Amino acid sequence: MDMGMPLQVFSSINVFLGFLQLVLPFFPSMFICHLAFLSFLACN
């Protein structure tokens, strides 16, 4: 069994978690903007 493989998987998971921590704060504002845009379209 190669010991380099779990380290590679762990580092990729770590990068993915860091990416999620970067992206997640933007999701609520995007969702609110999308809802506001939809309500704006519905009112017209």
PDB file of N, CA and C in Angstrom:
ATOM      1  N   MET A   1       0.838  -1.189   0.000  1.00  0.00           N
ATOM      2  CA  MET A   1       0.000   0.000   0.000  1.00  0.00           C
ATOM      3  C   MET A   1       0.883   1.252   0.000  1.00  0.00           C
ATOM      4  N   ASP A   2       0.557   2.161  -0.888  1.00  0.00           N
ATOM      5  CA  ASP A   2       1.353   3.379  -1.013  1.00  0.00           C
ATOM      6  C   ASP A   2       0.888   4.418   0.010  1.00  0.00           C
ATOM      7  N   MET A   3       1.850   4.972   0.751  1.00  0.00           N
ATOM      8  CA  MET A   3       1.494   5.953   1.781  1.00  0.00           C
ATOM      9  C   MET A   3       1.287   7.355   1.207  1.00  0.00           C
ATOM     10  N   GLY A   4       1.634   7.573  -0.061  1.00  0.00           N
ATOM     11  CA  GLY A   4       1.462   8.893  -0.656  1.00  0.00           C
ATOM     12  C   GLY A   4       0.016   9.175  -1.045  1.00  0.00           C
ATOM     13  N   MET A   5      -0.768   8.098  -1.260  1.00  0.00           N
ATOM     14  CA  MET A   5      -2.135   8.288  -1.736  1.00  0.00           C
ATOM     15  C   MET A   5      -3.051   8.940  -0.689  1.00  0.00           C
ATOM     16  N   PRO A   6      -3.078   8.459   0.583  1.00  0.00           N
ATOM     17  CA  PRO A   6      -3.963   9.121   1.559  1.00  0.00           C
ATOM     18  C   PRO A   6      -3.586  10.584   1.784  1.00  0.00           C
ATOM     19  N   LEU A   7      -2.286  10.899   1.729  1.00  0.00           N
ATOM     20  CA  LEU A   7      -1.845  12.279   1.909  1.00  0.00           C
ATOM     21  C   LEU A   7      -2.355  13.155   0.766  1.00  0.00           C
ATOM     22  N   GLN A   8      -2.355  12.596  -0.447  1.00  0.00           N
ATOM     23  CA  GLN A   8      -2.846  13.333  -1.609  1.00  0.00           C
ATOM     24  C   GLN A   8      -4.351  13.588  -1.487  1.00  0.00           C
ATOM     25  N   VAL A   9      -5.096  12.553  -1.058  1.00  0.00           N
ATOM     26  CA  VAL A   9      -6.538  12.688  -0.877  1.00  0.00           C
ATOM     27  C   VAL A   9      -6.831  13.719   0.214  1.00  0.00           C
ATOM     28  N   PHE A  10      -6.055  13.663   1.311  1.00  0.00           N
ATOM     29  CA  PHE A  10      -6.267  14.589   2.412  1.00  0.00           C
ATOM     30  C   PHE A  10      -5.989  16.024   1.986  1.00  0.00           C
ATOM     31  N   SER A  11      -4.940  16.229   1.187  1.00  0.00           N
ATOM     32  CA  SER A  11      -4.605  17.583   0.750  1.00  0.00           C
ATOM     33  C   SER A  11      -5.667  18.111  -0.205  1.00  0.00           C
ATOM     34  N   SER A  12      -6.207  17.238  -1.069  1.00  0.00           N
ATOM     35  CA  SER A  12      -7.253  17.689  -1.986  1.00  0.00           C
ATOM     36  C   SER A  12      -8.529  18.030  -1.225  1.00  0.00           C
ATOM     37  N   ILE A  13      -8.857  17.227  -0.183  1.00  0.00           N
ATOM     38  CA  ILE A  13     -10.019  17.529   0.652  1.00  0.00           C
ATOM     39  C   ILE A  13      -9.803  18.851   1.387  1.00  0.00           C
ATOM     40  N   ASN A  14      -8.565  19.094   1.850  1.00  0.00           N
ATOM     41  CA  ASN A  14      -8.241  20.333   2.541  1.00  0.00           C
ATOM     42  C   ASN A  14      -8.415  21.533   1.617  1.00  0.00           C
ATOM     43  N   VAL A  15      -7.959  21.401   0.363  1.00  0.00           N
ATOM     44  CA  VAL A  15      -8.127  22.472  -0.624  1.00  0.00           C
ATOM     45  C   VAL A  15      -9.611  22.711  -0.895  1.00  0.00           C
ATOM     46  N   PHE A  16     -10.390  21.616  -0.999  1.00  0.00           N
ATOM     47  CA  PHE A  16     -11.823  21.731  -1.249  1.00  0.00           C
ATOM     48  C   PHE A  16     -12.528  22.443  -0.100  1.00  0.00           C
ATOM     49  N   LEU A  17     -12.139  22.111   1.162  1.00  0.00           N
ATOM     50  CA  LEU A  17     -12.738  22.775   2.321  1.00  0.00           C
ATOM     51  C   LEU A  17     -12.374  24.254   2.368  1.00  0.00           C
ATOM     52  N   GLY A  18     -11.137  24.581   2.019  1.00  0.00           N
ATOM     53  CA  GLY A  18     -10.742  25.979   1.959  1.00  0.00           C
ATOM     54  C   GLY A  18     -11.531  26.736   0.903  1.00  0.00           C
ATOM     55  N   PHE A  19     -11.763  26.073  -0.253  1.00  0.00           N
ATOM     56  CA  PHE A  19     -12.561  26.680  -1.316  1.00  0.00           C
ATOM     57  C   PHE A  19     -13.999  26.908  -0.854  1.00  0.00           C
ATOM     58  N   LEU A  20     -14.558  25.939  -0.122  1.00  0.00           N
ATOM     59  CA  LEU A  20     -15.908  26.094   0.412  1.00  0.00           C
ATOM     60  C   LEU A  20     -15.981  27.254   1.389  1.00  0.00           C
ATOM     61  N   GLN A  21     -14.957  27.395   2.252  1.00  0.00           N
ATOM     62  CA  GLN A  21     -14.941  28.500   3.207  1.00  0.00           C
ATOM     63  C   GLN A  21     -14.848  29.834   2.488  1.00  0.00           C
ATOM     64  N   LEU A  22     -14.183  29.873   1.320  1.00  0.00           N
ATOM     65  CA  LEU A  22     -14.125  31.109   0.546  1.00  0.00           C
ATOM     66  C   LEU A  22     -15.463  31.413  -0.122  1.00  0.00           C
ATOM     67  N   VAL A  23     -16.130  30.365  -0.632  1.00  0.00           N
ATOM     68  CA  VAL A  23     -17.326  30.570  -1.467  1.00  0.00           C
ATOM     69  C   VAL A  23     -18.599  30.731  -0.639  1.00  0.00           C
ATOM     70  N   LEU A  24     -18.693  30.012   0.495  1.00  0.00           N
ATOM     71  CA  LEU A  24     -19.936  29.982   1.256  1.00  0.00           C
ATOM     72  C   LEU A  24     -20.464  31.347   1.706  1.00  0.00           C
ATOM     73  N   PRO A  25     -19.618  32.312   2.134  1.00  0.00           N
ATOM     74  CA  PRO A  25     -20.188  33.605   2.535  1.00  0.00           C
ATOM     75  C   PRO A  25     -20.904  34.333   1.402  1.00  0.00           C
ATOM     76  N   PHE A  26     -20.586  34.001   0.135  1.00  0.00           N
ATOM     77  CA  PHE A  26     -21.219  34.688  -0.988  1.00  0.00           C
ATOM     78  C   PHE A  26     -22.588  34.104  -1.329  1.00  0.00           C
ATOM     79  N   PHE A  27     -22.884  32.885  -0.890  1.00  0.00           N
ATOM     80  CA  PHE A  27     -24.122  32.243  -1.289  1.00  0.00           C
ATOM     81  C   PHE A  27     -25.380  32.948  -0.773  1.00  0.00           C
ATOM     82  N   PRO A  28     -25.457  33.388   0.505  1.00  0.00           N
ATOM     83  CA  PRO A  28     -26.693  34.061   0.949  1.00  0.00           C
ATOM     84  C   PRO A  28     -26.968  35.344   0.179  1.00  0.00           C
ATOM     85  N   SER A  29     -25.937  36.153  -0.075  1.00  0.00           N
ATOM     86  CA  SER A  29     -26.153  37.398  -0.807  1.00  0.00           C
ATOM     87  C   SER A  29     -26.594  37.114  -2.239  1.00  0.00           C
ATOM     88  N   MET A  30     -25.991  36.079  -2.869  1.00  0.00           N
ATOM     89  CA  MET A  30     -26.411  35.694  -4.212  1.00  0.00           C
ATOM     90  C   MET A  30     -27.861  35.246  -4.217  1.00  0.00           C
ATOM     91  N   PHE A  31     -28.249  34.478  -3.192  1.00  0.00           N
ATOM     92  CA  PHE A  31     -29.616  33.982  -3.103  1.00  0.00           C
ATOM     93  C   PHE A  31     -30.601  35.127  -2.909  1.00  0.00           C
ATOM     94  N   ILE A  32     -30.242  36.104  -2.048  1.00  0.00           N
ATOM     95  CA  ILE A  32     -31.097  37.261  -1.800  1.00  0.00           C
ATOM     96  C   ILE A  32     -31.223  38.106  -3.069  1.00  0.00           C
ATOM     97  N   CYS A  33     -30.113  38.293  -3.780  1.00  0.00           N
ATOM     98  CA  CYS A  33     -30.166  39.055  -5.029  1.00  0.00           C
ATOM     99  C   CYS A  33     -31.030  38.347  -6.058  1.00  0.00           C
ATOM    100  N   HIS A  34     -30.954  37.026  -6.115  1.00  0.00           N
ATOM    101  CA  HIS A  34     -31.757  36.247  -7.051  1.00  0.00           C
ATOM    102  C   HIS A  34     -33.242  36.382  -6.715  1.00  0.00           C
ATOM    103  N   LEU A  35     -33.569  36.296  -5.417  1.00  0.00           N
ATOM    104  CA  LEU A  35     -34.966  36.453  -5.004  1.00  0.00           C
ATOM    105  C   LEU A  35     -35.475  37.854  -5.312  1.00  0.00           C
ATOM    106  N   ALA A  36     -34.648  38.873  -5.066  1.00  0.00           N
ATOM    107  CA  ALA A  36     -35.060  40.246  -5.364  1.00  0.00           C
ATOM    108  C   ALA A  36     -35.281  40.423  -6.868  1.00  0.00           C
ATOM    109  N   PHE A  37     -34.406  39.816  -7.674  1.00  0.00           N
ATOM    110  CA  PHE A  37     -34.552  39.907  -9.124  1.00  0.00           C
ATOM    111  C   PHE A  37     -35.841  39.214  -9.590  1.00  0.00           C
ATOM    112  N   LEU A  38     -36.144  38.051  -9.017  1.00  0.00           N
ATOM    113  CA  LEU A  38     -37.366  37.328  -9.382  1.00  0.00           C
ATOM    114  C   LEU A  38     -38.606  38.106  -8.980  1.00  0.00           C
ATOM    115  N   SER A  39     -38.595  38.700  -7.773  1.00  0.00           N
ATOM    116  CA  SER A  39     -39.750  39.490  -7.347  1.00  0.00           C
ATOM    117  C   SER A  39     -39.891  40.738  -8.216  1.00  0.00           C
ATOM    118  N   PHE A  40     -38.764  41.324  -8.647  1.00  0.00           N
ATOM    119  CA  PHE A  40     -38.798  42.477  -9.547  1.00  0.00           C
ATOM    120  C   PHE A  40     -39.416  42.094 -10.889  1.00  0.00           C
ATOM    121  N   LEU A  41     -39.066  40.895 -11.398  1.00  0.00           N
ATOM    122  CA  LEU A  41     -39.652  40.420 -12.644  1.00  0.00           C
ATOM    123  C   LEU A  41     -41.141  40.137 -12.475  1.00  0.00           C
ATOM    124  N   ALA A  42     -41.521  39.619 -11.315  1.00  0.00           N
ATOM    125  CA  ALA A  42     -42.926  39.272 -11.082  1.00  0.00           C
ATOM    126  C   ALA A  42     -43.787  40.537 -10.966  1.00  0.00           C
ATOM    127  N   CYS A  43     -43.218  41.611 -10.414  1.00  0.00           N
ATOM    128  CA  CYS A  43     -43.992  42.844 -10.235  1.00  0.00           C
ATOM    129  C   CYS A  43     -44.222  43.560 -11.561  1.00  0.00           C
ATOM    130  N   ASN A  44     -43.343  43.374 -12.531  1.00  0.00           N
ATOM    131  CA  ASN A  44     -43.512  44.086 -13.808  1.00  0.00           C
ATOM    132  C   ASN A  44     -44.436  43.340 -14.759  1.00  0.00           C
TER     133      ASN A  44
END
